[in-house]
Amino acid sequence: MKKQELIHLHSLLAQVQHHYEHEADTTVEHDLYADLGVKPTSIHKSKTDHKEAVFALASGLTDAMAEETDEPQALTAD
């Protein structure tokens, strides 16, 4: 995958995170991602840096979504 494609994927994952946090009214814990200091707009960072960021962000998102599905859902009367 080319660097430009990784940056695009990184941007898309950041948008997914923002949308998920808004819809689920939660915050995705992603300390590893934050520690990397690589944002989708950090075009000066290396391809490897963006690759690590993509994996860290994807991992944080999937962990948050897995926790949400593991929680018991309250039954509501319609």
N, C-alpha and C. Protein backbone atom coordinates (compact mmCIF):
# COMPACT_ATOMS: atom_id res chain seq x y z
N MET A 1 0.85 -1.17 0.00
CA MET A 1 0.00 0.00 0.00
C MET A 1 0.90 1.24 0.00
N LYS A 2 0.53 2.21 -0.78
CA LYS A 2 1.31 3.44 -0.89
C LYS A 2 1.03 4.35 0.31
N LYS A 3 1.95 5.26 0.56
CA LYS A 3 1.80 6.18 1.68
C LYS A 3 0.52 6.99 1.56
N GLN A 4 0.23 7.47 0.37
CA GLN A 4 -0.97 8.27 0.15
C GLN A 4 -2.23 7.46 0.49
N GLU A 5 -2.24 6.19 0.15
CA GLU A 5 -3.38 5.32 0.46
C GLU A 5 -3.50 5.10 1.96
N LEU A 6 -2.37 4.95 2.65
CA LEU A 6 -2.40 4.79 4.11
C LEU A 6 -2.94 6.05 4.77
N ILE A 7 -2.53 7.21 4.29
CA ILE A 7 -3.03 8.46 4.85
C ILE A 7 -4.53 8.57 4.63
N HIS A 8 -4.99 8.15 3.48
CA HIS A 8 -6.43 8.17 3.20
C HIS A 8 -7.17 7.22 4.14
N LEU A 9 -6.65 6.01 4.31
CA LEU A 9 -7.25 5.05 5.24
C LEU A 9 -7.24 5.59 6.66
N HIS A 10 -6.15 6.21 7.04
CA HIS A 10 -6.02 6.82 8.36
C HIS A 10 -7.12 7.87 8.56
N SER A 11 -7.34 8.69 7.54
CA SER A 11 -8.39 9.72 7.60
C SER A 11 -9.77 9.10 7.74
N LEU A 12 -10.01 8.05 6.99
CA LEU A 12 -11.31 7.38 7.06
C LEU A 12 -11.55 6.77 8.44
N LEU A 13 -10.53 6.14 9.01
CA LEU A 13 -10.67 5.56 10.35
C LEU A 13 -10.91 6.64 11.39
N ALA A 14 -10.27 7.78 11.25
CA ALA A 14 -10.50 8.89 12.17
C ALA A 14 -11.94 9.38 12.08
N GLN A 15 -12.50 9.40 10.88
CA GLN A 15 -13.90 9.79 10.70
C GLN A 15 -14.83 8.75 11.31
N VAL A 16 -14.49 7.47 11.14
CA VAL A 16 -15.29 6.40 11.75
C VAL A 16 -15.28 6.54 13.27
N GLN A 17 -14.10 6.84 13.82
CA GLN A 17 -14.00 7.02 15.27
C GLN A 17 -14.90 8.17 15.73
N HIS A 18 -14.80 9.30 15.04
CA HIS A 18 -15.61 10.46 15.41
C HIS A 18 -17.10 10.13 15.33
N HIS A 19 -17.51 9.48 14.27
CA HIS A 19 -18.92 9.11 14.09
C HIS A 19 -19.36 8.13 15.18
N TYR A 20 -18.55 7.13 15.44
CA TYR A 20 -18.88 6.14 16.47
C TYR A 20 -19.01 6.79 17.84
N GLU A 21 -18.07 7.66 18.19
CA GLU A 21 -18.13 8.33 19.49
C GLU A 21 -19.38 9.18 19.60
N HIS A 22 -19.76 9.83 18.52
CA HIS A 22 -20.97 10.65 18.53
C HIS A 22 -22.22 9.79 18.66
N GLU A 23 -22.31 8.74 17.87
CA GLU A 23 -23.51 7.88 17.88
C GLU A 23 -23.64 7.06 19.18
N ALA A 24 -22.52 6.57 19.69
CA ALA A 24 -22.54 5.73 20.89
C ALA A 24 -22.44 6.56 22.16
N ASP A 25 -22.26 7.87 22.01
CA ASP A 25 -22.10 8.77 23.16
C ASP A 25 -21.03 8.25 24.12
N THR A 26 -19.88 7.98 23.56
CA THR A 26 -18.76 7.43 24.32
C THR A 26 -17.45 7.99 23.77
N THR A 27 -16.37 7.68 24.43
CA THR A 27 -15.05 8.05 23.96
C THR A 27 -14.23 6.78 23.78
N VAL A 28 -13.60 6.66 22.65
CA VAL A 28 -12.76 5.49 22.36
C VAL A 28 -11.41 5.71 23.05
N GLU A 29 -11.04 4.76 23.91
CA GLU A 29 -9.74 4.82 24.57
C GLU A 29 -8.69 4.31 23.60
N HIS A 30 -7.76 5.15 23.29
CA HIS A 30 -6.72 4.75 22.34
C HIS A 30 -5.39 5.41 22.73
N ASP A 31 -4.90 5.02 23.90
CA ASP A 31 -3.65 5.59 24.41
C ASP A 31 -2.49 5.34 23.46
N LEU A 32 -2.42 4.13 22.91
CA LEU A 32 -1.33 3.80 22.00
C LEU A 32 -1.36 4.73 20.79
N TYR A 33 -2.55 4.95 20.24
CA TYR A 33 -2.69 5.85 19.09
C TYR A 33 -2.26 7.26 19.46
N ALA A 34 -2.70 7.74 20.60
CA ALA A 34 -2.35 9.10 21.04
C ALA A 34 -0.84 9.22 21.28
N ASP A 35 -0.24 8.18 21.84
CA ASP A 35 1.20 8.21 22.11
C ASP A 35 2.04 8.27 20.83
N LEU A 36 1.51 7.74 19.75
CA LEU A 36 2.24 7.77 18.48
C LEU A 36 2.39 9.20 17.95
N GLY A 37 1.40 10.03 18.22
CA GLY A 37 1.46 11.41 17.77
C GLY A 37 1.34 11.59 16.27
N VAL A 38 0.69 10.64 15.62
CA VAL A 38 0.52 10.70 14.17
C VAL A 38 -0.97 10.89 13.87
N LYS A 39 -1.29 11.99 13.26
CA LYS A 39 -2.66 12.30 12.86
C LYS A 39 -2.77 12.12 11.36
N PRO A 40 -3.99 12.00 10.84
CA PRO A 40 -4.14 11.88 9.38
C PRO A 40 -3.56 13.07 8.63
N THR A 41 -3.51 14.20 9.28
CA THR A 41 -2.96 15.41 8.64
C THR A 41 -1.44 15.51 8.75
N SER A 42 -0.82 14.55 9.42
CA SER A 42 0.65 14.55 9.59
C SER A 42 1.31 13.95 8.35
N ILE A 43 1.20 14.65 7.23
CA ILE A 43 1.69 14.09 5.97
C ILE A 43 3.21 14.00 5.92
N HIS A 44 3.89 14.72 6.80
CA HIS A 44 5.35 14.66 6.84
C HIS A 44 5.86 13.39 7.54
N LYS A 45 4.98 12.70 8.25
CA LYS A 45 5.37 11.46 8.94
C LYS A 45 5.58 10.35 7.91
N SER A 46 6.32 9.34 8.31
CA SER A 46 6.65 8.26 7.37
C SER A 46 5.47 7.32 7.13
N LYS A 47 5.61 6.55 6.10
CA LYS A 47 4.63 5.52 5.77
C LYS A 47 4.48 4.55 6.94
N THR A 48 5.59 4.16 7.55
CA THR A 48 5.57 3.25 8.69
C THR A 48 4.82 3.85 9.88
N ASP A 49 5.01 5.15 10.11
CA ASP A 49 4.30 5.83 11.20
C ASP A 49 2.80 5.78 10.98
N HIS A 50 2.37 6.05 9.75
CA HIS A 50 0.94 6.01 9.46
C HIS A 50 0.40 4.58 9.56
N LYS A 51 1.20 3.62 9.17
CA LYS A 51 0.77 2.22 9.27
C LYS A 51 0.55 1.84 10.72
N GLU A 52 1.46 2.22 11.60
CA GLU A 52 1.31 1.95 13.04
C GLU A 52 0.07 2.66 13.58
N ALA A 53 -0.15 3.89 13.15
CA ALA A 53 -1.30 4.65 13.61
C ALA A 53 -2.61 4.00 13.16
N VAL A 54 -2.65 3.52 11.93
CA VAL A 54 -3.85 2.86 11.41
C VAL A 54 -4.16 1.61 12.25
N PHE A 55 -3.14 0.80 12.51
CA PHE A 55 -3.36 -0.40 13.31
C PHE A 55 -3.79 -0.06 14.73
N ALA A 56 -3.19 0.96 15.35
CA ALA A 56 -3.54 1.35 16.71
C ALA A 56 -4.97 1.89 16.76
N LEU A 57 -5.34 2.71 15.80
CA LEU A 57 -6.68 3.28 15.76
C LEU A 57 -7.73 2.20 15.50
N ALA A 58 -7.45 1.32 14.57
CA ALA A 58 -8.38 0.22 14.29
C ALA A 58 -8.55 -0.68 15.51
N SER A 59 -7.47 -0.94 16.20
CA SER A 59 -7.53 -1.78 17.40
C SER A 59 -8.37 -1.12 18.49
N GLY A 60 -8.16 0.17 18.68
CA GLY A 60 -8.95 0.90 19.68
C GLY A 60 -10.43 0.90 19.35
N LEU A 61 -10.75 1.08 18.09
CA LEU A 61 -12.15 1.08 17.66
C LEU A 61 -12.79 -0.30 17.85
N THR A 62 -12.11 -1.33 17.44
CA THR A 62 -12.70 -2.67 17.56
C THR A 62 -12.83 -3.07 19.02
N ASP A 63 -11.88 -2.68 19.86
CA ASP A 63 -12.00 -2.97 21.29
C ASP A 63 -13.22 -2.27 21.90
N ALA A 64 -13.41 -1.00 21.54
CA ALA A 64 -14.55 -0.25 22.06
C ALA A 64 -15.87 -0.85 21.59
N MET A 65 -15.92 -1.24 20.34
CA MET A 65 -17.15 -1.83 19.81
C MET A 65 -17.41 -3.20 20.43
N ALA A 66 -16.37 -3.95 20.69
CA ALA A 66 -16.53 -5.26 21.31
C ALA A 66 -17.03 -5.11 22.75
N GLU A 67 -16.53 -4.11 23.46
CA GLU A 67 -17.00 -3.87 24.83
C GLU A 67 -18.47 -3.51 24.82
N GLU A 68 -18.88 -2.71 23.85
CA GLU A 68 -20.28 -2.30 23.77
C GLU A 68 -21.20 -3.50 23.53
N THR A 69 -20.77 -4.42 22.68
CA THR A 69 -21.61 -5.57 22.39
C THR A 69 -21.59 -6.59 23.52
N ASP A 70 -20.57 -6.55 24.39
CA ASP A 70 -20.50 -7.44 25.53
C ASP A 70 -21.37 -6.99 26.69
N GLU A 71 -21.72 -5.68 26.70
CA GLU A 71 -22.55 -5.17 27.78
C GLU A 71 -23.99 -5.63 27.59
N PRO A 72 -24.65 -6.01 28.69
CA PRO A 72 -26.06 -6.40 28.57
C PRO A 72 -26.91 -5.19 28.16
N GLN A 73 -27.78 -5.43 27.24
CA GLN A 73 -28.66 -4.37 26.73
C GLN A 73 -29.94 -4.32 27.57
N ALA A 74 -30.34 -3.12 27.92
CA ALA A 74 -31.58 -2.95 28.67
C ALA A 74 -32.76 -3.09 27.72
N LEU A 75 -33.76 -3.81 28.16
CA LEU A 75 -34.96 -3.97 27.35
C LEU A 75 -35.86 -2.77 27.58
N THR A 76 -36.38 -2.22 26.50
CA THR A 76 -37.27 -1.07 26.61
C THR A 76 -38.59 -1.42 25.95
N ALA A 77 -39.64 -0.91 26.54
CA ALA A 77 -40.97 -1.13 25.96
C ALA A 77 -41.21 -0.06 24.91
N ASP A 78 -41.68 -0.47 23.75
CA ASP A 78 -41.94 0.49 22.67
C ASP A 78 -43.32 1.06 22.77
